[in-house]
Amino acid sequence: MISKELLSEIISEDIKSLRIDGNYIDYQCTSEEGHDDTINIYELAHKCKEWANHHFTLLSAVSFDRDNKPYCMVIGDIEEELFEASTEPEAIFQACQWILDNKDNS
């Protein structure tokens, strides 16, 4: 659902491991303290949207034209990408992963 690299970028901490448990993501940081923490996926999706909007415009919604599937659209100066998923947070995470993978090329 979300990569360690993306979670690290969003929360500004190096992530050693993560585990998805329902609507929560448990993660462990690699800092000397190596603290464990938990974040709700909806809170994380909101943080992802805030992060993404520093790089691109990010729109997410449920499409009635696409069998009520959640989607997230990334809009840049030249490009547009559309990501569909079974949940809105998952579509947001996919879009943000694409931004992370491509932001240096924009």
PDB file of N, CA and C in Angstrom:
ATOM      1  N   MET A   1       0.823  -1.198   0.000  1.00  0.00           N
ATOM      2  CA  MET A   1       0.000   0.000   0.000  1.00  0.00           C
ATOM      3  C   MET A   1       0.868   1.263   0.000  1.00  0.00           C
ATOM      4  N   ILE A   2       1.849   1.352   0.888  1.00  0.00           N
ATOM      5  CA  ILE A   2       2.764   2.495   0.911  1.00  0.00           C
ATOM      6  C   ILE A   2       4.170   1.956   1.140  1.00  0.00           C
ATOM      7  N   SER A   3       5.126   2.523   0.447  1.00  0.00           N
ATOM      8  CA  SER A   3       6.503   2.055   0.574  1.00  0.00           C
ATOM      9  C   SER A   3       7.205   2.727   1.755  1.00  0.00           C
ATOM     10  N   LYS A   4       8.270   2.082   2.229  1.00  0.00           N
ATOM     11  CA  LYS A   4       9.074   2.675   3.300  1.00  0.00           C
ATOM     12  C   LYS A   4       9.658   4.007   2.846  1.00  0.00           C
ATOM     13  N   GLU A   5      10.055   4.088   1.570  1.00  0.00           N
ATOM     14  CA  GLU A   5      10.646   5.315   1.040  1.00  0.00           C
ATOM     15  C   GLU A   5       9.655   6.474   1.052  1.00  0.00           C
ATOM     16  N   LEU A   6       8.423   6.204   0.654  1.00  0.00           N
ATOM     17  CA  LEU A   6       7.407   7.261   0.651  1.00  0.00           C
ATOM     18  C   LEU A   6       7.061   7.672   2.078  1.00  0.00           C
ATOM     19  N   LEU A   7       6.868   6.710   2.961  1.00  0.00           N
ATOM     20  CA  LEU A   7       6.566   7.042   4.356  1.00  0.00           C
ATOM     21  C   LEU A   7       7.703   7.860   4.960  1.00  0.00           C
ATOM     22  N   SER A   8       8.948   7.498   4.672  1.00  0.00           N
ATOM     23  CA  SER A   8      10.110   8.262   5.153  1.00  0.00           C
ATOM     24  C   SER A   8      10.060   9.698   4.671  1.00  0.00           C
ATOM     25  N   GLU A   9       9.712   9.883   3.404  1.00  0.00           N
ATOM     26  CA  GLU A   9       9.627  11.226   2.822  1.00  0.00           C
ATOM     27  C   GLU A   9       8.529  12.047   3.484  1.00  0.00           C
ATOM     28  N   ILE A  10       7.409  11.434   3.740  1.00  0.00           N
ATOM     29  CA  ILE A  10       6.247  12.143   4.281  1.00  0.00           C
ATOM     30  C   ILE A  10       6.458  12.556   5.739  1.00  0.00           C
ATOM     31  N   ILE A  11       7.010  11.654   6.547  1.00  0.00           N
ATOM     32  CA  ILE A  11       7.155  11.966   7.977  1.00  0.00           C
ATOM     33  C   ILE A  11       8.558  12.466   8.333  1.00  0.00           C
ATOM     34  N   SER A  12       9.443  12.570   7.343  1.00  0.00           N
ATOM     35  CA  SER A  12      10.816  13.074   7.529  1.00  0.00           C
ATOM     36  C   SER A  12      11.605  12.274   8.565  1.00  0.00           C
ATOM     37  N   GLU A  13      11.479  10.969   8.488  1.00  0.00           N
ATOM     38  CA  GLU A  13      12.244  10.038   9.342  1.00  0.00           C
ATOM     39  C   GLU A  13      12.595   8.829   8.494  1.00  0.00           C
ATOM     40  N   ASP A  14      13.767   8.251   8.721  1.00  0.00           N
ATOM     41  CA  ASP A  14      14.117   7.011   8.036  1.00  0.00           C
ATOM     42  C   ASP A  14      13.349   5.863   8.671  1.00  0.00           C
ATOM     43  N   ILE A  15      12.735   5.049   7.835  1.00  0.00           N
ATOM     44  CA  ILE A  15      11.890   3.962   8.309  1.00  0.00           C
ATOM     45  C   ILE A  15      12.630   2.639   8.167  1.00  0.00           C
ATOM     46  N   LYS A  16      12.678   1.896   9.254  1.00  0.00           N
ATOM     47  CA  LYS A  16      13.315   0.578   9.259  1.00  0.00           C
ATOM     48  C   LYS A  16      12.327  -0.483   8.787  1.00  0.00           C
ATOM     49  N   SER A  17      11.104  -0.411   9.295  1.00  0.00           N
ATOM     50  CA  SER A  17      10.090  -1.392   8.910  1.00  0.00           C
ATOM     51  C   SER A  17       8.711  -0.775   9.075  1.00  0.00           C
ATOM     52  N   LEU A  18       7.742  -1.352   8.368  1.00  0.00           N
ATOM     53  CA  LEU A  18       6.350  -0.937   8.529  1.00  0.00           C
ATOM     54  C   LEU A  18       5.455  -2.138   8.368  1.00  0.00           C
ATOM     55  N   ARG A  19       4.291  -2.039   8.996  1.00  0.00           N
ATOM     56  CA  ARG A  19       3.297  -3.105   8.943  1.00  0.00           C
ATOM     57  C   ARG A  19       1.932  -2.455   8.877  1.00  0.00           C
ATOM     58  N   ILE A  20       1.112  -2.915   7.952  1.00  0.00           N
ATOM     59  CA  ILE A  20      -0.244  -2.388   7.809  1.00  0.00           C
ATOM     60  C   ILE A  20      -1.188  -3.293   8.586  1.00  0.00           C
ATOM     61  N   ASP A  21      -1.982  -2.662   9.449  1.00  0.00           N
ATOM     62  CA  ASP A  21      -2.923  -3.392  10.286  1.00  0.00           C
ATOM     63  C   ASP A  21      -4.275  -2.687  10.185  1.00  0.00           C
ATOM     64  N   GLY A  22      -5.099  -3.118   9.245  1.00  0.00           N
ATOM     65  CA  GLY A  22      -6.396  -2.476   9.032  1.00  0.00           C
ATOM     66  C   GLY A  22      -6.214  -1.047   8.562  1.00  0.00           C
ATOM     67  N   ASN A  23      -6.741  -0.088   9.321  1.00  0.00           N
ATOM     68  CA  ASN A  23      -6.635   1.328   8.958  1.00  0.00           C
ATOM     69  C   ASN A  23      -5.426   2.010   9.592  1.00  0.00           C
ATOM     70  N   TYR A  24      -4.487   1.226  10.097  1.00  0.00           N
ATOM     71  CA  TYR A  24      -3.315   1.796  10.760  1.00  0.00           C
ATOM     72  C   TYR A  24      -2.031   1.249  10.156  1.00  0.00           C
ATOM     73  N   ILE A  25      -1.010   2.073  10.175  1.00  0.00           N
ATOM     74  CA  ILE A  25       0.315   1.649   9.750  1.00  0.00           C
ATOM     75  C   ILE A  25       1.227   1.779  10.961  1.00  0.00           C
ATOM     76  N   ASP A  26       1.804   0.657  11.374  1.00  0.00           N
ATOM     77  CA  ASP A  26       2.780   0.638  12.454  1.00  0.00           C
ATOM     78  C   ASP A  26       4.152   0.703  11.803  1.00  0.00           C
ATOM     79  N   TYR A  27       5.018   1.564  12.306  1.00  0.00           N
ATOM     80  CA  TYR A  27       6.352   1.660  11.722  1.00  0.00           C
ATOM     81  C   TYR A  27       7.407   1.860  12.787  1.00  0.00           C
ATOM     82  N   GLN A  28       8.633   1.494  12.427  1.00  0.00           N
ATOM     83  CA  GLN A  28       9.773   1.660  13.309  1.00  0.00           C
ATOM     84  C   GLN A  28      10.809   2.505  12.591  1.00  0.00           C
ATOM     85  N   CYS A  29      11.331   3.504  13.283  1.00  0.00           N
ATOM     86  CA  CYS A  29      12.329   4.404  12.717  1.00  0.00           C
ATOM     87  C   CYS A  29      13.730   3.852  12.931  1.00  0.00           C
ATOM     88  N   THR A  30      14.668   4.246  12.082  1.00  0.00           N
ATOM     89  CA  THR A  30      16.043   3.764  12.178  1.00  0.00           C
ATOM     90  C   THR A  30      16.924   4.650  13.052  1.00  0.00           C
ATOM     91  N   SER A  31      16.377   5.736  13.596  1.00  0.00           N
ATOM     92  CA  SER A  31      17.170   6.630  14.438  1.00  0.00           C
ATOM     93  C   SER A  31      17.723   5.855  15.640  1.00  0.00           C
ATOM     94  N   GLU A  32      18.654   6.471  16.345  1.00  0.00           N
ATOM     95  CA  GLU A  32      19.272   5.803  17.497  1.00  0.00           C
ATOM     96  C   GLU A  32      18.228   5.301  18.486  1.00  0.00           C
ATOM     97  N   GLU A  33      17.198   6.085  18.694  1.00  0.00           N
ATOM     98  CA  GLU A  33      16.130   5.663  19.596  1.00  0.00           C
ATOM     99  C   GLU A  33      15.331   4.513  18.987  1.00  0.00           C
ATOM    100  N   GLY A  34      15.249   4.485  17.644  1.00  0.00           N
ATOM    101  CA  GLY A  34      14.511   3.441  16.949  1.00  0.00           C
ATOM    102  C   GLY A  34      13.072   3.322  17.393  1.00  0.00           C
ATOM    103  N   HIS A  35      12.443   4.465  17.642  1.00  0.00           N
ATOM    104  CA  HIS A  35      11.094   4.431  18.210  1.00  0.00           C
ATOM    105  C   HIS A  35      10.062   3.850  17.232  1.00  0.00           C
ATOM    106  N   ASP A  36       9.050   3.262  17.824  1.00  0.00           N
ATOM    107  CA  ASP A  36       7.914   2.728  17.078  1.00  0.00           C
ATOM    108  C   ASP A  36       6.802   3.753  17.127  1.00  0.00           C
ATOM    109  N   ASP A  37       5.983   3.774  16.083  1.00  0.00           N
ATOM    110  CA  ASP A  37       4.847   4.682  16.070  1.00  0.00           C
ATOM    111  C   ASP A  37       3.759   4.083  15.202  1.00  0.00           C
ATOM    112  N   THR A  38       2.580   4.662  15.278  1.00  0.00           N
ATOM    113  CA  THR A  38       1.427   4.229  14.498  1.00  0.00           C
ATOM    114  C   THR A  38       0.759   5.462  13.919  1.00  0.00           C
ATOM    115  N   ILE A  39       0.288   5.335  12.669  1.00  0.00           N
ATOM    116  CA  ILE A  39      -0.456   6.425  12.041  1.00  0.00           C
ATOM    117  C   ILE A  39      -1.675   5.844  11.335  1.00  0.00           C
ATOM    118  N   ASN A  40      -2.770   6.528  11.420  1.00  0.00           N
ATOM    119  CA  ASN A  40      -4.002   6.165  10.734  1.00  0.00           C
ATOM    120  C   ASN A  40      -3.812   6.426   9.241  1.00  0.00           C
ATOM    121  N   ILE A  41      -4.300   5.527   8.372  1.00  0.00           N
ATOM    122  CA  ILE A  41      -4.074   5.702   6.934  1.00  0.00           C
ATOM    123  C   ILE A  41      -4.747   6.964   6.394  1.00  0.00           C
ATOM    124  N   TYR A  42      -5.841   7.398   6.996  1.00  0.00           N
ATOM    125  CA  TYR A  42      -6.512   8.605   6.520  1.00  0.00           C
ATOM    126  C   TYR A  42      -5.713   9.852   6.890  1.00  0.00           C
ATOM    127  N   GLU A  43      -5.124   9.845   8.077  1.00  0.00           N
ATOM    128  CA  GLU A  43      -4.236  10.939   8.473  1.00  0.00           C
ATOM    129  C   GLU A  43      -3.004  10.960   7.568  1.00  0.00           C
ATOM    130  N   LEU A  44      -2.465   9.774   7.276  1.00  0.00           N
ATOM    131  CA  LEU A  44      -1.305   9.688   6.391  1.00  0.00           C
ATOM    132  C   LEU A  44      -1.661  10.141   4.974  1.00  0.00           C
ATOM    133  N   ALA A  45      -2.840   9.774   4.485  1.00  0.00           N
ATOM    134  CA  ALA A  45      -3.265  10.217   3.151  1.00  0.00           C
ATOM    135  C   ALA A  45      -3.341  11.739   3.100  1.00  0.00           C
ATOM    136  N   HIS A  46      -3.841  12.361   4.164  1.00  0.00           N
ATOM    137  CA  HIS A  46      -3.904  13.822   4.225  1.00  0.00           C
ATOM    138  C   HIS A  46      -2.496  14.420   4.192  1.00  0.00           C
ATOM    139  N   LYS A  47      -1.575  13.845   4.973  1.00  0.00           N
ATOM    140  CA  LYS A  47      -0.188  14.326   4.969  1.00  0.00           C
ATOM    141  C   LYS A  47       0.443  14.148   3.585  1.00  0.00           C
ATOM    142  N   CYS A  48       0.105  13.052   2.921  1.00  0.00           N
ATOM    143  CA  CYS A  48       0.625  12.804   1.573  1.00  0.00           C
ATOM    144  C   CYS A  48       0.132  13.873   0.593  1.00  0.00           C
ATOM    145  N   LYS A  49      -1.150  14.215   0.693  1.00  0.00           N
ATOM    146  CA  LYS A  49      -1.693  15.245  -0.197  1.00  0.00           C
ATOM    147  C   LYS A  49      -1.008  16.590   0.040  1.00  0.00           C
ATOM    148  N   GLU A  50      -0.765  16.932   1.306  1.00  0.00           N
ATOM    149  CA  GLU A  50      -0.058  18.176   1.608  1.00  0.00           C
ATOM    150  C   GLU A  50       1.346  18.156   1.023  1.00  0.00           C
ATOM    151  N   TRP A  51       2.054  17.032   1.173  1.00  0.00           N
ATOM    152  CA  TRP A  51       3.400  16.891   0.623  1.00  0.00           C
ATOM    153  C   TRP A  51       3.372  16.987  -0.902  1.00  0.00           C
ATOM    154  N   ALA A  52       2.431  16.297  -1.517  1.00  0.00           N
ATOM    155  CA  ALA A  52       2.343  16.257  -2.979  1.00  0.00           C
ATOM    156  C   ALA A  52       2.101  17.635  -3.571  1.00  0.00           C
ATOM    157  N   ASN A  53       1.324  18.447  -2.888  1.00  0.00           N
ATOM    158  CA  ASN A  53       0.987  19.758  -3.428  1.00  0.00           C
ATOM    159  C   ASN A  53       2.163  20.727  -3.447  1.00  0.00           C
ATOM    160  N   HIS A  54       3.304  20.330  -2.866  1.00  0.00           N
ATOM    161  CA  HIS A  54       4.531  21.118  -3.016  1.00  0.00           C
ATOM    162  C   HIS A  54       5.183  20.855  -4.365  1.00  0.00           C
ATOM    163  N   HIS A  55       4.777  19.781  -5.031  1.00  0.00           N
ATOM    164  CA  HIS A  55       5.399  19.356  -6.283  1.00  0.00           C
ATOM    165  C   HIS A  55       4.433  19.413  -7.471  1.00  0.00           C
ATOM    166  N   PHE A  56       3.195  19.012  -7.260  1.00  0.00           N
ATOM    167  CA  PHE A  56       2.179  18.914  -8.304  1.00  0.00           C
ATOM    168  C   PHE A  56       0.835  19.300  -7.695  1.00  0.00           C
ATOM    169  N   THR A  57      -0.183  19.354  -8.521  1.00  0.00           N
ATOM    170  CA  THR A  57      -1.549  19.460  -8.025  1.00  0.00           C
ATOM    171  C   THR A  57      -2.093  18.043  -7.929  1.00  0.00           C
ATOM    172  N   LEU A  58      -2.703  17.732  -6.805  1.00  0.00           N
ATOM    173  CA  LEU A  58      -3.215  16.394  -6.565  1.00  0.00           C
ATOM    174  C   LEU A  58      -4.714  16.490  -6.295  1.00  0.00           C
ATOM    175  N   LEU A  59      -5.500  15.762  -7.070  1.00  0.00           N
ATOM    176  CA  LEU A  59      -6.948  15.732  -6.901  1.00  0.00           C
ATOM    177  C   LEU A  59      -7.368  14.297  -6.633  1.00  0.00           C
ATOM    178  N   SER A  60      -8.181  14.097  -5.611  1.00  0.00           N
ATOM    179  CA  SER A  60      -8.675  12.737  -5.354  1.00  0.00           C
ATOM    180  C   SER A  60     -10.173  12.806  -5.109  1.00  0.00           C
ATOM    181  N   ALA A  61     -10.854  11.736  -5.539  1.00  0.00           N
ATOM    182  CA  ALA A  61     -12.306  11.678  -5.399  1.00  0.00           C
ATOM    183  C   ALA A  61     -12.784  10.274  -5.762  1.00  0.00           C
ATOM    184  N   VAL A  62     -14.074  10.081  -5.703  1.00  0.00           N
ATOM    185  CA  VAL A  62     -14.698   8.852  -6.181  1.00  0.00           C
ATOM    186  C   VAL A  62     -15.371   9.194  -7.495  1.00  0.00           C
ATOM    187  N   SER A  63     -15.104   8.396  -8.522  1.00  0.00           N
ATOM    188  CA  SER A  63     -15.633   8.669  -9.851  1.00  0.00           C
ATOM    189  C   SER A  63     -16.918   7.887 -10.093  1.00  0.00           C
ATOM    190  N   PHE A  64     -17.976   8.601 -10.372  1.00  0.00           N
ATOM    191  CA  PHE A  64     -19.231   7.937 -10.700  1.00  0.00           C
ATOM    192  C   PHE A  64     -19.209   7.402 -12.132  1.00  0.00           C
ATOM    193  N   ASP A  65     -18.305   7.934 -12.958  1.00  0.00           N
ATOM    194  CA  ASP A  65     -18.162   7.450 -14.328  1.00  0.00           C
ATOM    195  C   ASP A  65     -17.302   6.194 -14.402  1.00  0.00           C
ATOM    196  N   ARG A  66     -16.620   5.866 -13.341  1.00  0.00           N
ATOM    197  CA  ARG A  66     -15.697   4.718 -13.307  1.00  0.00           C
ATOM    198  C   ARG A  66     -16.167   3.678 -12.286  1.00  0.00           C
ATOM    199  N   ASP A  67     -17.431   3.360 -12.276  1.00  0.00           N
ATOM    200  CA  ASP A  67     -17.992   2.355 -11.371  1.00  0.00           C
ATOM    201  C   ASP A  67     -17.730   2.681  -9.901  1.00  0.00           C
ATOM    202  N   ASN A  68     -17.818   3.969  -9.560  1.00  0.00           N
ATOM    203  CA  ASN A  68     -17.626   4.437  -8.182  1.00  0.00           C
ATOM    204  C   ASN A  68     -16.257   4.081  -7.605  1.00  0.00           C
ATOM    205  N   LYS A  69     -15.240   4.003  -8.458  1.00  0.00           N
ATOM    206  CA  LYS A  69     -13.885   3.705  -7.991  1.00  0.00           C
ATOM    207  C   LYS A  69     -13.196   4.978  -7.529  1.00  0.00           C
ATOM    208  N   PRO A  70     -12.512   4.905  -6.397  1.00  0.00           N
ATOM    209  CA  PRO A  70     -11.703   6.053  -5.979  1.00  0.00           C
ATOM    210  C   PRO A  70     -10.544   6.252  -6.949  1.00  0.00           C
ATOM    211  N   TYR A  71     -10.178   7.492  -7.139  1.00  0.00           N
ATOM    212  CA  TYR A  71      -9.039   7.787  -7.999  1.00  0.00           C
ATOM    213  C   TYR A  71      -8.292   8.988  -7.450  1.00  0.00           C
ATOM    214  N   CYS A  72      -7.086   9.144  -7.939  1.00  0.00           N
ATOM    215  CA  CYS A  72      -6.278  10.303  -7.604  1.00  0.00           C
ATOM    216  C   CYS A  72      -5.579  10.735  -8.879  1.00  0.00           C
ATOM    217  N   MET A  73      -5.656  12.007  -9.190  1.00  0.00           N
ATOM    218  CA  MET A  73      -5.031  12.538 -10.399  1.00  0.00           C
ATOM    219  C   MET A  73      -3.905  13.483 -10.001  1.00  0.00           C
ATOM    220  N   VAL A  74      -2.759  13.292 -10.643  1.00  0.00           N
ATOM    221  CA  VAL A  74      -1.607  14.162 -10.461  1.00  0.00           C
ATOM    222  C   VAL A  74      -1.548  15.073 -11.680  1.00  0.00           C
ATOM    223  N   ILE A  75      -1.540  16.372 -11.434  1.00  0.00           N
ATOM    224  CA  ILE A  75      -1.511  17.332 -12.541  1.00  0.00           C
ATOM    225  C   ILE A  75      -0.255  18.182 -12.409  1.00  0.00           C
ATOM    226  N   GLY A  76       0.558  18.172 -13.450  1.00  0.00           N
ATOM    227  CA  GLY A  76       1.770  18.987 -13.490  1.00  0.00           C
ATOM    228  C   GLY A  76       1.683  19.987 -14.620  1.00  0.00           C
ATOM    229  N   ASP A  77       2.763  20.708 -14.841  1.00  0.00           N
ATOM    230  CA  ASP A  77       2.790  21.698 -15.915  1.00  0.00           C
ATOM    231  C   ASP A  77       2.599  21.052 -17.282  1.00  0.00           C
ATOM    232  N   ILE A  78       3.179  19.872 -17.458  1.00  0.00           N
ATOM    233  CA  ILE A  78       3.153  19.229 -18.774  1.00  0.00           C
ATOM    234  C   ILE A  78       2.403  17.904 -18.753  1.00  0.00           C
ATOM    235  N   GLU A  79       2.386  17.248 -17.616  1.00  0.00           N
ATOM    236  CA  GLU A  79       1.884  15.881 -17.566  1.00  0.00           C
ATOM    237  C   GLU A  79       0.690  15.728 -16.636  1.00  0.00           C
ATOM    238  N   GLU A  80      -0.032  14.633 -16.869  1.00  0.00           N
ATOM    239  CA  GLU A  80      -1.142  14.233 -16.007  1.00  0.00           C
ATOM    240  C   GLU A  80      -1.070  12.728 -15.851  1.00  0.00           C
ATOM    241  N   GLU A  81      -1.297  12.262 -14.655  1.00  0.00           N
ATOM    242  CA  GLU A  81      -1.330  10.826 -14.382  1.00  0.00           C
ATOM    243  C   GLU A  81      -2.582  10.535 -13.569  1.00  0.00           C
ATOM    244  N   LEU A  82      -3.212   9.394 -13.834  1.00  0.00           N
ATOM    245  CA  LEU A  82      -4.419   8.988 -13.123  1.00  0.00           C
ATOM    246  C   LEU A  82      -4.157   7.650 -12.444  1.00  0.00           C
ATOM    247  N   PHE A  83      -4.523   7.542 -11.166  1.00  0.00           N
ATOM    248  CA  PHE A  83      -4.325   6.322 -10.393  1.00  0.00           C
ATOM    249  C   PHE A  83      -5.656   5.905  -9.795  1.00  0.00           C
ATOM    250  N   GLU A  84      -6.075   4.676 -10.068  1.00  0.00           N
ATOM    251  CA  GLU A  84      -7.297   4.126  -9.505  1.00  0.00           C
ATOM    252  C   GLU A  84      -6.939   3.045  -8.502  1.00  0.00           C
ATOM    253  N   ALA A  85      -7.755   2.914  -7.478  1.00  0.00           N
ATOM    254  CA  ALA A  85      -7.520   1.894  -6.452  1.00  0.00           C
ATOM    255  C   ALA A  85      -8.838   1.527  -5.802  1.00  0.00           C
ATOM    256  N   SER A  86      -8.773   0.590  -4.876  1.00  0.00           N
ATOM    257  CA  SER A  86     -10.008   0.180  -4.205  1.00  0.00           C
ATOM    258  C   SER A  86     -10.400   1.141  -3.088  1.00  0.00           C
ATOM    259  N   THR A  87      -9.451   1.966  -2.607  1.00  0.00           N
ATOM    260  CA  THR A  87      -9.761   2.983  -1.599  1.00  0.00           C
ATOM    261  C   THR A  87      -9.098   4.298  -2.006  1.00  0.00           C
ATOM    262  N   GLU A  88      -9.644   5.407  -1.517  1.00  0.00           N
ATOM    263  CA  GLU A  88      -9.061   6.710  -1.823  1.00  0.00           C
ATOM    264  C   GLU A  88      -7.639   6.847  -1.257  1.00  0.00           C
ATOM    265  N   PRO A  89      -7.374   6.433   0.002  1.00  0.00           N
ATOM    266  CA  PRO A  89      -5.995   6.530   0.485  1.00  0.00           C
ATOM    267  C   PRO A  89      -5.005   5.755  -0.392  1.00  0.00           C
ATOM    268  N   GLU A  90      -5.410   4.577  -0.842  1.00  0.00           N
ATOM    269  CA  GLU A  90      -4.521   3.782  -1.688  1.00  0.00           C
ATOM    270  C   GLU A  90      -4.228   4.503  -3.008  1.00  0.00           C
ATOM    271  N   ALA A  91      -5.230   5.134  -3.604  1.00  0.00           N
ATOM    272  CA  ALA A  91      -5.007   5.901  -4.833  1.00  0.00           C
ATOM    273  C   ALA A  91      -4.056   7.074  -4.561  1.00  0.00           C
ATOM    274  N   ILE A  92      -4.209   7.722  -3.419  1.00  0.00           N
ATOM    275  CA  ILE A  92      -3.328   8.835  -3.038  1.00  0.00           C
ATOM    276  C   ILE A  92      -1.902   8.330  -2.854  1.00  0.00           C
ATOM    277  N   PHE A  93      -1.739   7.189  -2.175  1.00  0.00           N
ATOM    278  CA  PHE A  93      -0.396   6.635  -1.972  1.00  0.00           C
ATOM    279  C   PHE A  93       0.257   6.286  -3.310  1.00  0.00           C
ATOM    280  N   GLN A  94      -0.510   5.724  -4.244  1.00  0.00           N
ATOM    281  CA  GLN A  94       0.035   5.396  -5.569  1.00  0.00           C
ATOM    282  C   GLN A  94       0.483   6.667  -6.294  1.00  0.00           C
ATOM    283  N   ALA A  95      -0.344   7.698  -6.236  1.00  0.00           N
ATOM    284  CA  ALA A  95      -0.003   8.958  -6.894  1.00  0.00           C
ATOM    285  C   ALA A  95       1.244   9.574  -6.267  1.00  0.00           C
ATOM    286  N   CYS A  96       1.330   9.549  -4.958  1.00  0.00           N
ATOM    287  CA  CYS A  96       2.489  10.128  -4.269  1.00  0.00           C
ATOM    288  C   CYS A  96       3.751   9.328  -4.539  1.00  0.00           C
ATOM    289  N   GLN A  97       3.621   8.003  -4.661  1.00  0.00           N
ATOM    290  CA  GLN A  97       4.788   7.196  -5.016  1.00  0.00           C
ATOM    291  C   GLN A  97       5.280   7.587  -6.405  1.00  0.00           C
ATOM    292  N   TRP A  98       4.345   7.813  -7.326  1.00  0.00           N
ATOM    293  CA  TRP A  98       4.717   8.245  -8.673  1.00  0.00           C
ATOM    294  C   TRP A  98       5.444   9.594  -8.600  1.00  0.00           C
ATOM    295  N   ILE A  99       4.939  10.517  -7.789  1.00  0.00           N
ATOM    296  CA  ILE A  99       5.596  11.822  -7.634  1.00  0.00           C
ATOM    297  C   ILE A  99       7.003  11.636  -7.073  1.00  0.00           C
ATOM    298  N   LEU A 100       7.132  10.813  -6.032  1.00  0.00           N
ATOM    299  CA  LEU A 100       8.449  10.566  -5.441  1.00  0.00           C
ATOM    300  C   LEU A 100       9.414  10.000  -6.475  1.00  0.00           C
ATOM    301  N   ASP A 101       8.944   9.082  -7.295  1.00  0.00           N
ATOM    302  CA  ASP A 101       9.788   8.460  -8.315  1.00  0.00           C
ATOM    303  C   ASP A 101      10.115   9.395  -9.462  1.00  0.00           C
ATOM    304  N   ASN A 102       9.275  10.430  -9.696  1.00  0.00           N
ATOM    305  CA  ASN A 102       9.434  11.289 -10.868  1.00  0.00           C
ATOM    306  C   ASN A 102       9.702  12.759 -10.573  1.00  0.00           C
ATOM    307  N   LYS A 103       9.729  13.178  -9.325  1.00  0.00           N
ATOM    308  CA  LYS A 103       9.814  14.597  -9.019  1.00  0.00           C
ATOM    309  C   LYS A 103      11.102  15.247  -9.492  1.00  0.00           C
ATOM    310  N   ASP A 104      12.199  14.492  -9.569  1.00  0.00           N
ATOM    311  CA  ASP A 104      13.455  15.059 -10.047  1.00  0.00           C
ATOM    312  C   ASP A 104      13.469  15.225 -11.565  1.00  0.00           C
ATOM    313  N   ASN A 105      12.535  14.575 -12.247  1.00  0.00           N
ATOM    314  CA  ASN A 105      12.454  14.669 -13.704  1.00  0.00           C
ATOM    315  C   ASN A 105      11.519  15.771 -14.168  1.00  0.00           C
ATOM    316  N   SER A 106      10.867  16.472 -13.220  1.00  0.00           N
ATOM    317  CA  SER A 106       9.880  17.491 -13.593  1.00  0.00           C
ATOM    318  C   SER A 106      10.520  18.841 -13.678  1.00  0.00           C
TER     319      SER A 106
END
